[in-house]
C-alpha atoms as a PDB file:
ATOM      1  CA  UNK A   1       0.000   0.000   0.000  1.00  0.00           C
ATOM      2  CA  UNK A   2       1.285   3.449  -0.969  1.00  0.00           C
ATOM      3  CA  UNK A   3       1.927   5.963   1.809  1.00  0.00           C
ATOM      4  CA  UNK A   4       0.330   9.313   1.083  1.00  0.00           C
ATOM      5  CA  UNK A   5       2.163  12.436   2.175  1.00  0.00           C
ATOM      6  CA  UNK A   6       1.102  16.040   2.180  1.00  0.00           C
ATOM      7  CA  UNK A   7       2.312  19.268   3.767  1.00  0.00           C
ATOM      8  CA  UNK A   8       0.638  19.916   7.108  1.00  0.00           C
ATOM      9  CA  UNK A   9      -0.532  23.559   7.150  1.00  0.00           C
ATOM     10  CA  UNK A  10       0.032  23.798  10.920  1.00  0.00           C
ATOM     11  CA  UNK A  11       3.510  22.199  11.176  1.00  0.00           C
ATOM     12  CA  UNK A  12       4.656  23.405   7.736  1.00  0.00           C
ATOM     13  CA  UNK A  13       6.307  20.063   7.142  1.00  0.00           C
ATOM     14  CA  UNK A  14       5.539  17.068   4.956  1.00  0.00           C
ATOM     15  CA  UNK A  15       3.641  14.462   7.031  1.00  0.00           C
ATOM     16  CA  UNK A  16       1.925  11.160   6.353  1.00  0.00           C
ATOM     17  CA  UNK A  17      -1.828  11.120   5.878  1.00  0.00           C
ATOM     18  CA  UNK A  18      -3.384   8.550   8.201  1.00  0.00           C
ATOM     19  CA  UNK A  19      -7.008   8.932   7.151  1.00  0.00           C
ATOM     20  CA  UNK A  20      -9.102  10.851   4.605  1.00  0.00           C
ATOM     21  CA  UNK A  21     -12.795  11.446   5.323  1.00  0.00           C
ATOM     22  CA  UNK A  22     -15.050  12.750   2.552  1.00  0.00           C
ATOM     23  CA  UNK A  23     -18.502  14.132   3.262  1.00  0.00           C
ATOM     24  CA  UNK A  24     -20.981  15.383   0.732  1.00  0.00           C
ATOM     25  CA  UNK A  25     -23.990  17.578   1.381  1.00  0.00           C
ATOM     26  CA  UNK A  26     -26.058  19.571  -1.083  1.00  0.00           C
ATOM     27  CA  UNK A  27     -23.796  22.314  -2.485  1.00  0.00           C
ATOM     28  CA  UNK A  28     -20.951  21.488  -0.003  1.00  0.00           C
ATOM     29  CA  UNK A  29     -18.142  18.942  -0.415  1.00  0.00           C
ATOM     30  CA  UNK A  30     -15.910  18.453   2.642  1.00  0.00           C
ATOM     31  CA  UNK A  31     -12.597  16.548   2.762  1.00  0.00           C
ATOM     32  CA  UNK A  32     -10.827  16.089   6.117  1.00  0.00           C
ATOM     33  CA  UNK A  33      -7.168  14.969   6.229  1.00  0.00           C
ATOM     34  CA  UNK A  34      -5.770  13.431   9.448  1.00  0.00           C
ATOM     35  CA  UNK A  35      -1.961  13.744   9.652  1.00  0.00           C
ATOM     36  CA  UNK A  36       0.567  11.631  11.549  1.00  0.00           C
ATOM     37  CA  UNK A  37       1.565  14.698  13.615  1.00  0.00           C
ATOM     38  CA  UNK A  38      -1.920  14.759  15.184  1.00  0.00           C
ATOM     39  CA  UNK A  39      -3.285  17.736  13.252  1.00  0.00           C
ATOM     40  CA  UNK A  40      -6.227  17.640  10.909  1.00  0.00           C
ATOM     41  CA  UNK A  41      -6.929  19.831   7.884  1.00  0.00           C
ATOM     42  CA  UNK A  42     -10.439  20.432   6.503  1.00  0.00           C
ATOM     43  CA  UNK A  43     -11.080  21.546   2.915  1.00  0.00           C
ATOM     44  CA  UNK A  44     -14.556  22.649   1.897  1.00  0.00           C
ATOM     45  CA  UNK A  45     -15.767  23.330  -1.612  1.00  0.00           C
ATOM     46  CA  UNK A  46     -19.042  25.220  -1.845  1.00  0.00           C
ATOM     47  CA  UNK A  47     -20.948  25.367  -5.102  1.00  0.00           C
ATOM     48  CA  UNK A  48     -23.937  27.610  -5.567  1.00  0.00           C
ATOM     49  CA  UNK A  49     -26.244  27.540  -8.524  1.00  0.00           C
ATOM     50  CA  UNK A  50     -27.773  30.806  -9.671  1.00  0.00           C
ATOM     51  CA  UNK A  51     -30.910  30.719 -11.729  1.00  0.00           C
ATOM     52  CA  UNK A  52     -30.730  32.436 -15.101  1.00  0.00           C
ATOM     53  CA  UNK A  53     -33.582  34.782 -14.123  1.00  0.00           C
ATOM     54  CA  UNK A  54     -31.648  35.905 -11.036  1.00  0.00           C
ATOM     55  CA  UNK A  55     -28.588  36.545 -13.212  1.00  0.00           C
ATOM     56  CA  UNK A  56     -30.621  38.670 -15.634  1.00  0.00           C
ATOM     57  CA  UNK A  57     -32.111  40.645 -12.730  1.00  0.00           C
ATOM     58  CA  UNK A  58     -28.629  41.340 -11.312  1.00  0.00           C
ATOM     59  CA  UNK A  59     -27.375  42.423 -14.732  1.00  0.00           C
ATOM     60  CA  UNK A  60     -30.426  44.657 -15.246  1.00  0.00           C
ATOM     61  CA  UNK A  61     -30.033  46.205 -11.789  1.00  0.00           C
ATOM     62  CA  UNK A  62     -26.356  47.018 -12.482  1.00  0.00           C
ATOM     63  CA  UNK A  63     -27.188  48.574 -15.851  1.00  0.00           C
ATOM     64  CA  UNK A  64     -29.936  50.710 -14.300  1.00  0.00           C
ATOM     65  CA  UNK A  65     -27.437  52.477 -12.057  1.00  0.00           C
ATOM     66  CA  UNK A  66     -25.720  54.208 -14.948  1.00  0.00           C
ATOM     67  CA  UNK A  67     -27.856  56.201 -17.342  1.00  0.00           C
ATOM     68  CA  UNK A  68     -31.431  55.981 -18.541  1.00  0.00           C
ATOM     69  CA  UNK A  69     -32.742  58.046 -21.439  1.00  0.00           C
ATOM     70  CA  UNK A  70     -36.250  58.073 -22.919  1.00  0.00           C
ATOM     71  CA  UNK A  71     -37.483  59.895 -25.999  1.00  0.00           C
ATOM     72  CA  UNK A  72     -41.133  60.396 -27.055  1.00  0.00           C
ATOM     73  CA  UNK A  73     -42.951  62.265 -29.778  1.00  0.00           C
ATOM     74  CA  UNK A  74     -46.503  63.435 -29.177  1.00  0.00           C
ATOM     75  CA  UNK A  75     -48.974  66.189 -29.998  1.00  0.00           C
ATOM     76  CA  UNK A  76     -49.290  69.231 -27.741  1.00  0.00           C
ATOM     77  CA  UNK A  77     -52.613  69.560 -25.948  1.00  0.00           C
ATOM     78  CA  UNK A  78     -52.760  73.371 -26.217  1.00  0.00           C
ATOM     79  CA  UNK A  79     -51.283  74.192 -29.643  1.00  0.00           C
ATOM     80  CA  UNK A  80     -51.858  70.822 -31.374  1.00  0.00           C
ATOM     81  CA  UNK A  81     -48.265  70.920 -32.734  1.00  0.00           C
ATOM     82  CA  UNK A  82     -45.750  68.011 -32.747  1.00  0.00           C
ATOM     83  CA  UNK A  83     -43.695  67.804 -29.548  1.00  0.00           C
ATOM     84  CA  UNK A  84     -40.440  65.936 -28.723  1.00  0.00           C
ATOM     85  CA  UNK A  85     -39.936  65.007 -25.085  1.00  0.00           C
ATOM     86  CA  UNK A  86     -36.564  63.777 -23.759  1.00  0.00           C
ATOM     87  CA  UNK A  87     -35.951  62.545 -20.214  1.00  0.00           C
ATOM     88  CA  UNK A  88     -32.411  61.609 -19.128  1.00  0.00           C
ATOM     89  CA  UNK A  89     -31.762  60.143 -15.674  1.00  0.00           C
ATOM     90  CA  UNK A  90     -28.239  59.662 -14.315  1.00  0.00           C
ATOM     91  CA  UNK A  91     -28.659  57.279 -11.366  1.00  0.00           C
ATOM     92  CA  UNK A  92     -25.018  57.421 -10.257  1.00  0.00           C
ATOM     93  CA  UNK A  93     -24.836  61.226 -10.300  1.00  0.00           C
ATOM     94  CA  UNK A  94     -28.405  61.718  -9.066  1.00  0.00           C
ATOM     95  CA  UNK A  95     -29.284  64.127 -11.888  1.00  0.00           C
ATOM     96  CA  UNK A  96     -32.431  64.365 -14.018  1.00  0.00           C
ATOM     97  CA  UNK A  97     -32.831  66.339 -17.232  1.00  0.00           C
ATOM     98  CA  UNK A  98     -36.272  66.886 -18.780  1.00  0.00           C
ATOM     99  CA  UNK A  99     -36.670  68.794 -22.043  1.00  0.00           C
ATOM    100  CA  UNK A 100     -39.718  69.426 -24.246  1.00  0.00           C
ATOM    101  CA  UNK A 101     -39.339  70.885 -27.749  1.00  0.00           C
ATOM    102  CA  UNK A 102     -42.245  72.049 -29.882  1.00  0.00           C
ATOM    103  CA  UNK A 103     -42.172  72.348 -33.674  1.00  0.00           C
ATOM    104  CA  UNK A 104     -42.948  75.867 -34.908  1.00  0.00           C
ATOM    105  CA  UNK A 105     -44.851  76.787 -38.090  1.00  0.00           C
ATOM    106  CA  UNK A 106     -41.561  77.293 -39.991  1.00  0.00           C
ATOM    107  CA  UNK A 107     -40.379  73.722 -39.104  1.00  0.00           C
ATOM    108  CA  UNK A 108     -37.825  74.740 -36.441  1.00  0.00           C
ATOM    109  CA  UNK A 109     -37.866  73.124 -32.992  1.00  0.00           C
ATOM    110  CA  UNK A 110     -38.132  75.460 -29.994  1.00  0.00           C
ATOM    111  CA  UNK A 111     -37.564  74.471 -26.369  1.00  0.00           C
ATOM    112  CA  UNK A 112     -40.750  75.183 -24.413  1.00  0.00           C
ATOM    113  CA  UNK A 113     -39.863  73.444 -21.162  1.00  0.00           C
ATOM    114  CA  UNK A 114     -36.545  72.376 -19.614  1.00  0.00           C
ATOM    115  CA  UNK A 115     -35.395  71.522 -16.125  1.00  0.00           C
END
């Protein structure tokens, strides 16, 4: 029978392995090494599965922090002219910019509301 040796993390020397105990639980694999010096060393490997929907939600949440911009065209209620509305939200900087432009009779766009 072959003698297994490994470095003991406590003694910092190469020691014989007397016994290896493996335990398996859902998402956790544990291996315990018993050394000839009397020390034991435990290694755990944890695996976690993330659902694809959770991953998409995390990605969407991270993207939302940066910058959000929306653009709409509509008809003004008072003048019945075409209107362009732009809303830009900077979540990281905490700034909002809202601008409404209305098309004049000559075809030019004029800002009627901005904050």
